[in-house]
mmCIF file of all heavy atoms, coordinates in Angstrom:
data_MODEL
# 
_entry.id   MODEL 
# 
loop_
_atom_site.group_PDB 
_atom_site.id 
_atom_site.type_symbol 
_atom_site.label_atom_id 
_atom_site.label_alt_id 
_atom_site.label_comp_id 
_atom_site.label_asym_id 
_atom_site.label_entity_id 
_atom_site.label_seq_id 
_atom_site.pdbx_PDB_ins_code 
_atom_site.Cartn_x 
_atom_site.Cartn_y 
_atom_site.Cartn_z 
_atom_site.occupancy 
_atom_site.B_iso_or_equiv 
_atom_site.pdbx_formal_charge 
_atom_site.auth_seq_id 
_atom_site.auth_comp_id 
_atom_site.auth_asym_id 
_atom_site.auth_atom_id 
_atom_site.pdbx_PDB_model_num 
ATOM 1   N N   . PHE A 1 1  ? 5.075   -2.061  -3.452  1.00 0.00 ? 1  PHE A N   1 
ATOM 2   C CA  . PHE A 1 1  ? 5.925   -0.868  -3.452  1.00 0.00 ? 1  PHE A CA  1 
ATOM 3   C C   . PHE A 1 1  ? 6.542   -0.637  -2.077  1.00 0.00 ? 1  PHE A C   1 
ATOM 4   O O   . PHE A 1 1  ? 7.723   -0.320  -1.954  1.00 0.00 ? 1  PHE A O   1 
ATOM 5   C CB  . PHE A 1 1  ? 5.140   0.375   -3.883  1.00 0.00 ? 1  PHE A CB  1 
ATOM 6   C CG  . PHE A 1 1  ? 4.723   0.366   -5.318  1.00 0.00 ? 1  PHE A CG  1 
ATOM 7   C CD1 . PHE A 1 1  ? 3.497   0.897   -5.692  1.00 0.00 ? 1  PHE A CD1 1 
ATOM 8   C CD2 . PHE A 1 1  ? 5.519   -0.172  -6.319  1.00 0.00 ? 1  PHE A CD2 1 
ATOM 9   C CE1 . PHE A 1 1  ? 3.084   0.897   -7.015  1.00 0.00 ? 1  PHE A CE1 1 
ATOM 10  C CE2 . PHE A 1 1  ? 5.124   -0.184  -7.651  1.00 0.00 ? 1  PHE A CE2 1 
ATOM 11  C CZ  . PHE A 1 1  ? 3.901   0.358   -7.994  1.00 0.00 ? 1  PHE A CZ  1 
ATOM 12  N N   . LEU A 1 2  ? 5.727   -0.795  -1.028  1.00 0.00 ? 2  LEU A N   1 
ATOM 13  C CA  . LEU A 1 2  ? 6.241   -0.622  0.330   1.00 0.00 ? 2  LEU A CA  1 
ATOM 14  C C   . LEU A 1 2  ? 7.313   -1.662  0.642   1.00 0.00 ? 2  LEU A C   1 
ATOM 15  O O   . LEU A 1 2  ? 8.359   -1.335  1.221   1.00 0.00 ? 2  LEU A O   1 
ATOM 16  C CB  . LEU A 1 2  ? 5.108   -0.709  1.343   1.00 0.00 ? 2  LEU A CB  1 
ATOM 17  C CG  . LEU A 1 2  ? 4.103   0.438   1.340   1.00 0.00 ? 2  LEU A CG  1 
ATOM 18  C CD1 . LEU A 1 2  ? 2.944   0.120   2.275   1.00 0.00 ? 2  LEU A CD1 1 
ATOM 19  C CD2 . LEU A 1 2  ? 4.765   1.749   1.705   1.00 0.00 ? 2  LEU A CD2 1 
ATOM 20  N N   . ALA A 1 3  ? 7.055   -2.910  0.283   1.00 0.00 ? 3  ALA A N   1 
ATOM 21  C CA  . ALA A 1 3  ? 8.020   -3.985  0.546   1.00 0.00 ? 3  ALA A CA  1 
ATOM 22  C C   . ALA A 1 3  ? 9.339   -3.721  -0.164  1.00 0.00 ? 3  ALA A C   1 
ATOM 23  O O   . ALA A 1 3  ? 10.418  -3.892  0.430   1.00 0.00 ? 3  ALA A O   1 
ATOM 24  C CB  . ALA A 1 3  ? 7.433   -5.328  0.127   1.00 0.00 ? 3  ALA A CB  1 
ATOM 25  N N   . GLU A 1 4  ? 9.274   -3.275  -1.409  1.00 0.00 ? 4  GLU A N   1 
ATOM 26  C CA  . GLU A 1 4  ? 10.497  -2.977  -2.150  1.00 0.00 ? 4  GLU A CA  1 
ATOM 27  C C   . GLU A 1 4  ? 11.249  -1.806  -1.525  1.00 0.00 ? 4  GLU A C   1 
ATOM 28  O O   . GLU A 1 4  ? 12.470  -1.848  -1.374  1.00 0.00 ? 4  GLU A O   1 
ATOM 29  C CB  . GLU A 1 4  ? 10.178  -2.666  -3.609  1.00 0.00 ? 4  GLU A CB  1 
ATOM 30  C CG  . GLU A 1 4  ? 9.814   -3.885  -4.417  1.00 0.00 ? 4  GLU A CG  1 
ATOM 31  C CD  . GLU A 1 4  ? 9.484   -3.545  -5.865  1.00 0.00 ? 4  GLU A CD  1 
ATOM 32  O OE1 . GLU A 1 4  ? 9.353   -2.344  -6.210  1.00 0.00 ? 4  GLU A OE1 1 
ATOM 33  O OE2 . GLU A 1 4  ? 9.327   -4.493  -6.657  1.00 0.00 ? 4  GLU A OE2 1 
ATOM 34  N N   . ALA A 1 5  ? 10.513  -0.767  -1.136  1.00 0.00 ? 5  ALA A N   1 
ATOM 35  C CA  . ALA A 1 5  ? 11.140  0.431   -0.561  1.00 0.00 ? 5  ALA A CA  1 
ATOM 36  C C   . ALA A 1 5  ? 11.810  0.130   0.776   1.00 0.00 ? 5  ALA A C   1 
ATOM 37  O O   . ALA A 1 5  ? 12.834  0.736   1.117   1.00 0.00 ? 5  ALA A O   1 
ATOM 38  C CB  . ALA A 1 5  ? 10.108  1.542   -0.399  1.00 0.00 ? 5  ALA A CB  1 
ATOM 39  N N   . MET A 1 6  ? 11.246  -0.798  1.544   1.00 0.00 ? 6  MET A N   1 
ATOM 40  C CA  . MET A 1 6  ? 11.783  -1.113  2.867   1.00 0.00 ? 6  MET A CA  1 
ATOM 41  C C   . MET A 1 6  ? 12.618  -2.381  2.890   1.00 0.00 ? 6  MET A C   1 
ATOM 42  O O   . MET A 1 6  ? 13.090  -2.796  3.946   1.00 0.00 ? 6  MET A O   1 
ATOM 43  C CB  . MET A 1 6  ? 10.633  -1.209  3.865   1.00 0.00 ? 6  MET A CB  1 
ATOM 44  C CG  . MET A 1 6  ? 9.989   0.126   4.103   1.00 0.00 ? 6  MET A CG  1 
ATOM 45  S SD  . MET A 1 6  ? 8.751   0.031   5.387   1.00 0.00 ? 6  MET A SD  1 
ATOM 46  C CE  . MET A 1 6  ? 7.290   -0.112  4.394   1.00 0.00 ? 6  MET A CE  1 
ATOM 47  N N   . ASP A 1 7  ? 12.754  -3.006  1.725   1.00 0.00 ? 7  ASP A N   1 
ATOM 48  C CA  . ASP A 1 7  ? 13.535  -4.242  1.595   1.00 0.00 ? 7  ASP A CA  1 
ATOM 49  C C   . ASP A 1 7  ? 13.065  -5.317  2.574   1.00 0.00 ? 7  ASP A C   1 
ATOM 50  O O   . ASP A 1 7  ? 13.852  -5.899  3.330   1.00 0.00 ? 7  ASP A O   1 
ATOM 51  C CB  . ASP A 1 7  ? 15.032  -3.963  1.769   1.00 0.00 ? 7  ASP A CB  1 
ATOM 52  C CG  . ASP A 1 7  ? 15.882  -5.131  1.276   1.00 0.00 ? 7  ASP A CG  1 
ATOM 53  O OD1 . ASP A 1 7  ? 15.437  -5.848  0.352   1.00 0.00 ? 7  ASP A OD1 1 
ATOM 54  O OD2 . ASP A 1 7  ? 16.980  -5.339  1.828   1.00 0.00 ? 7  ASP A OD2 1 
ATOM 55  N N   . VAL A 1 8  ? 11.737  -5.541  2.576   1.00 0.00 ? 8  VAL A N   1 
ATOM 56  C CA  . VAL A 1 8  ? 11.125  -6.597  3.380   1.00 0.00 ? 8  VAL A CA  1 
ATOM 57  C C   . VAL A 1 8  ? 10.234  -7.434  2.475   1.00 0.00 ? 8  VAL A C   1 
ATOM 58  O O   . VAL A 1 8  ? 9.932   -7.042  1.343   1.00 0.00 ? 8  VAL A O   1 
ATOM 59  C CB  . VAL A 1 8  ? 10.303  -6.043  4.572   1.00 0.00 ? 8  VAL A CB  1 
ATOM 60  C CG1 . VAL A 1 8  ? 11.186  -5.230  5.512   1.00 0.00 ? 8  VAL A CG1 1 
ATOM 61  C CG2 . VAL A 1 8  ? 9.134   -5.201  4.084   1.00 0.00 ? 8  VAL A CG2 1 
ATOM 62  N N   . SER A 1 9  ? 9.771   -8.541  2.979   1.00 0.00 ? 9  SER A N   1 
ATOM 63  C CA  . SER A 1 9  ? 8.853   -9.379  2.223   1.00 0.00 ? 9  SER A CA  1 
ATOM 64  C C   . SER A 1 9  ? 7.477   -8.725  2.171   1.00 0.00 ? 9  SER A C   1 
ATOM 65  O O   . SER A 1 9  ? 7.017   -8.138  3.154   1.00 0.00 ? 9  SER A O   1 
ATOM 66  C CB  . SER A 1 9  ? 8.737   -10.752 2.887   1.00 0.00 ? 9  SER A CB  1 
ATOM 67  O OG  . SER A 1 9  ? 7.683   -11.491 2.283   1.00 0.00 ? 9  SER A OG  1 
ATOM 68  N N   . VAL A 1 10 ? 6.817   -8.864  1.047   1.00 0.00 ? 10 VAL A N   1 
ATOM 69  C CA  . VAL A 1 10 ? 5.460   -8.339  0.918   1.00 0.00 ? 10 VAL A CA  1 
ATOM 70  C C   . VAL A 1 10 ? 4.527   -9.014  1.917   1.00 0.00 ? 10 VAL A C   1 
ATOM 71  O O   . VAL A 1 10 ? 3.522   -8.429  2.337   1.00 0.00 ? 10 VAL A O   1 
ATOM 72  C CB  . VAL A 1 10 ? 4.952   -8.469  -0.550  1.00 0.00 ? 10 VAL A CB  1 
ATOM 73  C CG1 . VAL A 1 10 ? 4.654   -9.911  -0.892  1.00 0.00 ? 10 VAL A CG1 1 
ATOM 74  C CG2 . VAL A 1 10 ? 3.737   -7.600  -0.786  1.00 0.00 ? 10 VAL A CG2 1 
ATOM 75  N N   . GLU A 1 11 ? 4.876   -10.209 2.344   1.00 0.00 ? 11 GLU A N   1 
ATOM 76  C CA  . GLU A 1 11 ? 4.066   -10.919 3.338   1.00 0.00 ? 11 GLU A CA  1 
ATOM 77  C C   . GLU A 1 11 ? 4.095   -10.231 4.700   1.00 0.00 ? 11 GLU A C   1 
ATOM 78  O O   . GLU A 1 11 ? 3.201   -10.434 5.520   1.00 0.00 ? 11 GLU A O   1 
ATOM 79  C CB  . GLU A 1 11 ? 4.544   -12.367 3.476   1.00 0.00 ? 11 GLU A CB  1 
ATOM 80  C CG  . GLU A 1 11 ? 4.293   -13.174 2.230   1.00 0.00 ? 11 GLU A CG  1 
ATOM 81  C CD  . GLU A 1 11 ? 4.877   -14.575 2.294   1.00 0.00 ? 11 GLU A CD  1 
ATOM 82  O OE1 . GLU A 1 11 ? 5.492   -14.930 3.329   1.00 0.00 ? 11 GLU A OE1 1 
ATOM 83  O OE2 . GLU A 1 11 ? 4.708   -15.310 1.322   1.00 0.00 ? 11 GLU A OE2 1 
ATOM 84  N N   . ASP A 1 12 ? 5.103   -9.376  4.940   1.00 0.00 ? 12 ASP A N   1 
ATOM 85  C CA  . ASP A 1 12 ? 5.202   -8.644  6.199   1.00 0.00 ? 12 ASP A CA  1 
ATOM 86  C C   . ASP A 1 12 ? 4.375   -7.365  6.205   1.00 0.00 ? 12 ASP A C   1 
ATOM 87  O O   . ASP A 1 12 ? 4.238   -6.721  7.247   1.00 0.00 ? 12 ASP A O   1 
ATOM 88  C CB  . ASP A 1 12 ? 6.664   -8.284  6.494   1.00 0.00 ? 12 ASP A CB  1 
ATOM 89  C CG  . ASP A 1 12 ? 7.522   -9.516  6.719   1.00 0.00 ? 12 ASP A CG  1 
ATOM 90  O OD1 . ASP A 1 12 ? 6.989   -10.529 7.220   1.00 0.00 ? 12 ASP A OD1 1 
ATOM 91  O OD2 . ASP A 1 12 ? 8.718   -9.461  6.379   1.00 0.00 ? 12 ASP A OD2 1 
ATOM 92  N N   . ILE A 1 13 ? 3.841   -6.985  5.060   1.00 0.00 ? 13 ILE A N   1 
ATOM 93  C CA  . ILE A 1 13 ? 3.103   -5.735  4.926   1.00 0.00 ? 13 ILE A CA  1 
ATOM 94  C C   . ILE A 1 13 ? 1.607   -5.993  5.028   1.00 0.00 ? 13 ILE A C   1 
ATOM 95  O O   . ILE A 1 13 ? 1.056   -6.834  4.317   1.00 0.00 ? 13 ILE A O   1 
ATOM 96  C CB  . ILE A 1 13 ? 3.373   -5.061  3.552   1.00 0.00 ? 13 ILE A CB  1 
ATOM 97  C CG1 . ILE A 1 13 ? 4.860   -4.900  3.293   1.00 0.00 ? 13 ILE A CG1 1 
ATOM 98  C CG2 . ILE A 1 13 ? 2.616   -3.750  3.428   1.00 0.00 ? 13 ILE A CG2 1 
ATOM 99  C CD1 . ILE A 1 13 ? 5.541   -3.830  4.069   1.00 0.00 ? 13 ILE A CD1 1 
ATOM 100 N N   . GLN A 1 14 ? 0.943   -5.266  5.915   1.00 0.00 ? 14 GLN A N   1 
ATOM 101 C CA  . GLN A 1 14 ? -0.521  -5.248  5.982   1.00 0.00 ? 14 GLN A CA  1 
ATOM 102 C C   . GLN A 1 14 ? -0.946  -3.839  5.584   1.00 0.00 ? 14 GLN A C   1 
ATOM 103 O O   . GLN A 1 14 ? -0.517  -2.862  6.213   1.00 0.00 ? 14 GLN A O   1 
ATOM 104 C CB  . GLN A 1 14 ? -1.017  -5.567  7.396   1.00 0.00 ? 14 GLN A CB  1 
ATOM 105 C CG  . GLN A 1 14 ? -0.703  -6.971  7.832   1.00 0.00 ? 14 GLN A CG  1 
ATOM 106 C CD  . GLN A 1 14 ? -1.395  -8.007  6.952   1.00 0.00 ? 14 GLN A CD  1 
ATOM 107 O OE1 . GLN A 1 14 ? -2.566  -7.874  6.607   1.00 0.00 ? 14 GLN A OE1 1 
ATOM 108 N NE2 . GLN A 1 14 ? -0.663  -9.037  6.579   1.00 0.00 ? 14 GLN A NE2 1 
ATOM 109 N N   . ALA A 1 15 ? -1.745  -3.731  4.544   1.00 0.00 ? 15 ALA A N   1 
ATOM 110 C CA  . ALA A 1 15 ? -2.104  -2.414  4.026   1.00 0.00 ? 15 ALA A CA  1 
ATOM 111 C C   . ALA A 1 15 ? -3.404  -2.495  3.238   1.00 0.00 ? 15 ALA A C   1 
ATOM 112 O O   . ALA A 1 15 ? -3.846  -3.581  2.864   1.00 0.00 ? 15 ALA A O   1 
ATOM 113 C CB  . ALA A 1 15 ? -0.986  -1.883  3.134   1.00 0.00 ? 15 ALA A CB  1 
ATOM 114 N N   . MET A 1 16 ? -3.985  -1.319  2.979   1.00 0.00 ? 16 MET A N   1 
ATOM 115 C CA  . MET A 1 16 ? -5.232  -1.257  2.211   1.00 0.00 ? 16 MET A CA  1 
ATOM 116 C C   . MET A 1 16 ? -5.328  0.116   1.532   1.00 0.00 ? 16 MET A C   1 
ATOM 117 O O   . MET A 1 16 ? -4.836  1.107   2.065   1.00 0.00 ? 16 MET A O   1 
ATOM 118 C CB  . MET A 1 16 ? -6.433  -1.443  3.137   1.00 0.00 ? 16 MET A CB  1 
ATOM 119 C CG  . MET A 1 16 ? -7.743  -1.512  2.409   1.00 0.00 ? 16 MET A CG  1 
ATOM 120 S SD  . MET A 1 16 ? -9.185  -1.560  3.498   1.00 0.00 ? 16 MET A SD  1 
ATOM 121 C CE  . MET A 1 16 ? -8.748  -2.788  4.682   1.00 0.00 ? 16 MET A CE  1 
ATOM 122 N N   . VAL A 1 17 ? -5.958  0.123   0.377   1.00 0.00 ? 17 VAL A N   1 
ATOM 123 C CA  . VAL A 1 17 ? -6.290  1.378   -0.297  1.00 0.00 ? 17 VAL A CA  1 
ATOM 124 C C   . VAL A 1 17 ? -7.800  1.416   -0.517  1.00 0.00 ? 17 VAL A C   1 
ATOM 125 O O   . VAL A 1 17 ? -8.446  0.376   -0.634  1.00 0.00 ? 17 VAL A O   1 
ATOM 126 C CB  . VAL A 1 17 ? -5.542  1.541   -1.643  1.00 0.00 ? 17 VAL A CB  1 
ATOM 127 C CG1 . VAL A 1 17 ? -4.045  1.661   -1.428  1.00 0.00 ? 17 VAL A CG1 1 
ATOM 128 C CG2 . VAL A 1 17 ? -5.840  0.405   -2.591  1.00 0.00 ? 17 VAL A CG2 1 
ATOM 129 N N   . LEU A 1 18 ? -8.347  2.618   -0.549  1.00 0.00 ? 18 LEU A N   1 
ATOM 130 C CA  . LEU A 1 18 ? -9.778  2.824   -0.789  1.00 0.00 ? 18 LEU A CA  1 
ATOM 131 C C   . LEU A 1 18 ? -9.966  3.835   -1.902  1.00 0.00 ? 18 LEU A C   1 
ATOM 132 O O   . LEU A 1 18 ? -9.079  4.619   -2.199  1.00 0.00 ? 18 LEU A O   1 
ATOM 133 C CB  . LEU A 1 18 ? -10.474 3.358   0.478   1.00 0.00 ? 18 LEU A CB  1 
ATOM 134 C CG  . LEU A 1 18 ? -10.544 2.442   1.681   1.00 0.00 ? 18 LEU A CG  1 
ATOM 135 C CD1 . LEU A 1 18 ? -11.191 3.180   2.842   1.00 0.00 ? 18 LEU A CD1 1 
ATOM 136 C CD2 . LEU A 1 18 ? -11.308 1.178   1.364   1.00 0.00 ? 18 LEU A CD2 1 
ATOM 137 N N   . GLY A 1 19 ? -11.162 3.851   -2.449  1.00 0.00 ? 19 GLY A N   1 
ATOM 138 C CA  . GLY A 1 19 ? -11.509 4.847   -3.461  1.00 0.00 ? 19 GLY A CA  1 
ATOM 139 C C   . GLY A 1 19 ? -11.592 4.244   -4.839  1.00 0.00 ? 19 GLY A C   1 
ATOM 140 O O   . GLY A 1 19 ? -11.373 3.054   -5.035  1.00 0.00 ? 19 GLY A O   1 
ATOM 141 N N   . GLY A 1 20 ? -11.901 5.085   -5.784  1.00 0.00 ? 20 GLY A N   1 
ATOM 142 C CA  . GLY A 1 20 ? -12.011 4.659   -7.168  1.00 0.00 ? 20 GLY A CA  1 
ATOM 143 C C   . GLY A 1 20 ? -10.661 4.285   -7.740  1.00 0.00 ? 20 GLY A C   1 
ATOM 144 O O   . GLY A 1 20 ? -9.624  4.782   -7.294  1.00 0.00 ? 20 GLY A O   1 
ATOM 145 N N   . HIS A 1 21 ? -10.678 3.442   -8.723  1.00 0.00 ? 21 HIS A N   1 
ATOM 146 C CA  . HIS A 1 21 ? -9.451  3.001   -9.376  1.00 0.00 ? 21 HIS A CA  1 
ATOM 147 C C   . HIS A 1 21 ? -8.835  4.201   -10.094 1.00 0.00 ? 21 HIS A C   1 
ATOM 148 O O   . HIS A 1 21 ? -9.448  4.804   -10.953 1.00 0.00 ? 21 HIS A O   1 
ATOM 149 C CB  . HIS A 1 21 ? -9.794  1.884   -10.368 1.00 0.00 ? 21 HIS A CB  1 
ATOM 150 C CG  . HIS A 1 21 ? -8.607  1.317   -11.053 1.00 0.00 ? 21 HIS A CG  1 
ATOM 151 N ND1 . HIS A 1 21 ? -7.620  0.637   -10.378 1.00 0.00 ? 21 HIS A ND1 1 
ATOM 152 C CD2 . HIS A 1 21 ? -8.255  1.313   -12.354 1.00 0.00 ? 21 HIS A CD2 1 
ATOM 153 C CE1 . HIS A 1 21 ? -6.705  0.242   -11.241 1.00 0.00 ? 21 HIS A CE1 1 
ATOM 154 N NE2 . HIS A 1 21 ? -7.076  0.638   -12.437 1.00 0.00 ? 21 HIS A NE2 1 
ATOM 155 N N   . GLY A 1 22 ? -7.629  4.588   -9.695  1.00 0.00 ? 22 GLY A N   1 
ATOM 156 C CA  . GLY A 1 22 ? -6.963  5.705   -10.348 1.00 0.00 ? 22 GLY A CA  1 
ATOM 157 C C   . GLY A 1 22 ? -6.558  6.786   -9.362  1.00 0.00 ? 22 GLY A C   1 
ATOM 158 O O   . GLY A 1 22 ? -6.189  6.507   -8.215  1.00 0.00 ? 22 GLY A O   1 
ATOM 159 N N   . ASP A 1 23 ? -6.644  8.034   -9.816  1.00 0.00 ? 23 ASP A N   1 
ATOM 160 C CA  . ASP A 1 23 ? -6.159  9.167   -9.033  1.00 0.00 ? 23 ASP A CA  1 
ATOM 161 C C   . ASP A 1 23 ? -6.919  9.396   -7.730  1.00 0.00 ? 23 ASP A C   1 
ATOM 162 O O   . ASP A 1 23 ? -6.402  10.049  -6.827  1.00 0.00 ? 23 ASP A O   1 
ATOM 163 C CB  . ASP A 1 23 ? -6.211  10.446  -9.870  1.00 0.00 ? 23 ASP A CB  1 
ATOM 164 C CG  . ASP A 1 23 ? -5.247  10.408  -11.047 1.00 0.00 ? 23 ASP A CG  1 
ATOM 165 O OD1 . ASP A 1 23 ? -4.307  9.588   -10.998 1.00 0.00 ? 23 ASP A OD1 1 
ATOM 166 O OD2 . ASP A 1 23 ? -5.444  11.182  -11.988 1.00 0.00 ? 23 ASP A OD2 1 
ATOM 167 N N   . THR A 1 24 ? -8.124  8.888   -7.606  1.00 0.00 ? 24 THR A N   1 
ATOM 168 C CA  . THR A 1 24 ? -8.900  9.109   -6.385  1.00 0.00 ? 24 THR A CA  1 
ATOM 169 C C   . THR A 1 24 ? -8.650  8.042   -5.330  1.00 0.00 ? 24 THR A C   1 
ATOM 170 O O   . THR A 1 24 ? -9.194  8.115   -4.238  1.00 0.00 ? 24 THR A O   1 
ATOM 171 C CB  . THR A 1 24 ? -10.403 9.168   -6.699  1.00 0.00 ? 24 THR A CB  1 
ATOM 172 O OG1 . THR A 1 24 ? -10.812 7.922   -7.256  1.00 0.00 ? 24 THR A OG1 1 
ATOM 173 C CG2 . THR A 1 24 ? -10.731 10.308  -7.648  1.00 0.00 ? 24 THR A CG2 1 
ATOM 174 N N   . MET A 1 25 ? -7.817  7.052   -5.652  1.00 0.00 ? 25 MET A N   1 
ATOM 175 C CA  . MET A 1 25 ? -7.522  5.992   -4.689  1.00 0.00 ? 25 MET A CA  1 
ATOM 176 C C   . MET A 1 25 ? -6.589  6.535   -3.613  1.00 0.00 ? 25 MET A C   1 
ATOM 177 O O   . MET A 1 25 ? -5.640  7.253   -3.897  1.00 0.00 ? 25 MET A O   1 
ATOM 178 C CB  . MET A 1 25 ? -6.891  4.795   -5.393  1.00 0.00 ? 25 MET A CB  1 
ATOM 179 C CG  . MET A 1 25 ? -6.800  3.596   -4.504  1.00 0.00 ? 25 MET A CG  1 
ATOM 180 S SD  . MET A 1 25 ? -6.657  2.078   -5.430  1.00 0.00 ? 25 MET A SD  1 
ATOM 181 C CE  . MET A 1 25 ? -8.356  1.855   -5.918  1.00 0.00 ? 25 MET A CE  1 
ATOM 182 N N   . VAL A 1 26 ? -6.886  6.178   -2.353  1.00 0.00 ? 26 VAL A N   1 
ATOM 183 C CA  . VAL A 1 26 ? -6.136  6.705   -1.215  1.00 0.00 ? 26 VAL A CA  1 
ATOM 184 C C   . VAL A 1 26 ? -5.582  5.549   -0.384  1.00 0.00 ? 26 VAL A C   1 
ATOM 185 O O   . VAL A 1 26 ? -6.349  4.694   0.074   1.00 0.00 ? 26 VAL A O   1 
ATOM 186 C CB  . VAL A 1 26 ? -7.062  7.575   -0.326  1.00 0.00 ? 26 VAL A CB  1 
ATOM 187 C CG1 . VAL A 1 26 ? -6.321  8.083   0.893   1.00 0.00 ? 26 VAL A CG1 1 
ATOM 188 C CG2 . VAL A 1 26 ? -7.657  8.710   -1.133  1.00 0.00 ? 26 VAL A CG2 1 
ATOM 189 N N   . PRO A 1 27 ? -4.257  5.524   -0.149  1.00 0.00 ? 27 PRO A N   1 
ATOM 190 C CA  . PRO A 1 27 ? -3.711  4.508   0.749   1.00 0.00 ? 27 PRO A CA  1 
ATOM 191 C C   . PRO A 1 27 ? -4.051  4.861   2.194   1.00 0.00 ? 27 PRO A C   1 
ATOM 192 O O   . PRO A 1 27 ? -3.963  6.018   2.599   1.00 0.00 ? 27 PRO A O   1 
ATOM 193 C CB  . PRO A 1 27 ? -2.203  4.585   0.497   1.00 0.00 ? 27 PRO A CB  1 
ATOM 194 C CG  . PRO A 1 27 ? -1.961  5.948   -0.033  1.00 0.00 ? 27 PRO A CG  1 
ATOM 195 C CD  . PRO A 1 27 ? -3.229  6.366   -0.740  1.00 0.00 ? 27 PRO A CD  1 
ATOM 196 N N   . LEU A 1 28 ? -4.442  3.877   2.976   1.00 0.00 ? 28 LEU A N   1 
ATOM 197 C CA  . LEU A 1 28 ? -4.760  4.090   4.385   1.00 0.00 ? 28 LEU A CA  1 
ATOM 198 C C   . LEU A 1 28 ? -3.478  3.925   5.202   1.00 0.00 ? 28 LEU A C   1 
ATOM 199 O O   . LEU A 1 28 ? -3.236  2.889   5.821   1.00 0.00 ? 28 LEU A O   1 
ATOM 200 C CB  . LEU A 1 28 ? -5.842  3.128   4.846   1.00 0.00 ? 28 LEU A CB  1 
ATOM 201 C CG  . LEU A 1 28 ? -7.175  3.263   4.120   1.00 0.00 ? 28 LEU A CG  1 
ATOM 202 C CD1 . LEU A 1 28 ? -8.179  2.257   4.664   1.00 0.00 ? 28 LEU A CD1 1 
ATOM 203 C CD2 . LEU A 1 28 ? -7.712  4.673   4.232   1.00 0.00 ? 28 LEU A CD2 1 
ATOM 204 N N   . VAL A 1 29 ? -2.674  4.966   5.191   1.00 0.00 ? 29 VAL A N   1 
ATOM 205 C CA  . VAL A 1 29 ? -1.352  4.930   5.814   1.00 0.00 ? 29 VAL A CA  1 
ATOM 206 C C   . VAL A 1 29 ? -1.450  4.628   7.308   1.00 0.00 ? 29 VAL A C   1 
ATOM 207 O O   . VAL A 1 29 ? -0.660  3.859   7.845   1.00 0.00 ? 29 VAL A O   1 
ATOM 208 C CB  . VAL A 1 29 ? -0.603  6.262   5.569   1.00 0.00 ? 29 VAL A CB  1 
ATOM 209 C CG1 . VAL A 1 29 ? 0.748   6.259   6.262   1.00 0.00 ? 29 VAL A CG1 1 
ATOM 210 C CG2 . VAL A 1 29 ? -0.447  6.494   4.073   1.00 0.00 ? 29 VAL A CG2 1 
ATOM 211 N N   . SER A 1 30 ? -2.445  5.191   7.986   1.00 0.00 ? 30 SER A N   1 
ATOM 212 C CA  . SER A 1 30 ? -2.551  4.992   9.434   1.00 0.00 ? 30 SER A CA  1 
ATOM 213 C C   . SER A 1 30 ? -2.912  3.550   9.793   1.00 0.00 ? 30 SER A C   1 
ATOM 214 O O   . SER A 1 30 ? -2.768  3.146   10.949  1.00 0.00 ? 30 SER A O   1 
ATOM 215 C CB  . SER A 1 30 ? -3.568  5.957   10.037  1.00 0.00 ? 30 SER A CB  1 
ATOM 216 O OG  . SER A 1 30 ? -4.835  5.753   9.480   1.00 0.00 ? 30 SER A OG  1 
# 
């Protein structure tokens, strides 16, 4: 989603989410 929004390759994105699968999952934006 980030790669599409910024028009970059997904390979350029380093990211992680934590939490339970679903509404409690939190992206670690920082």
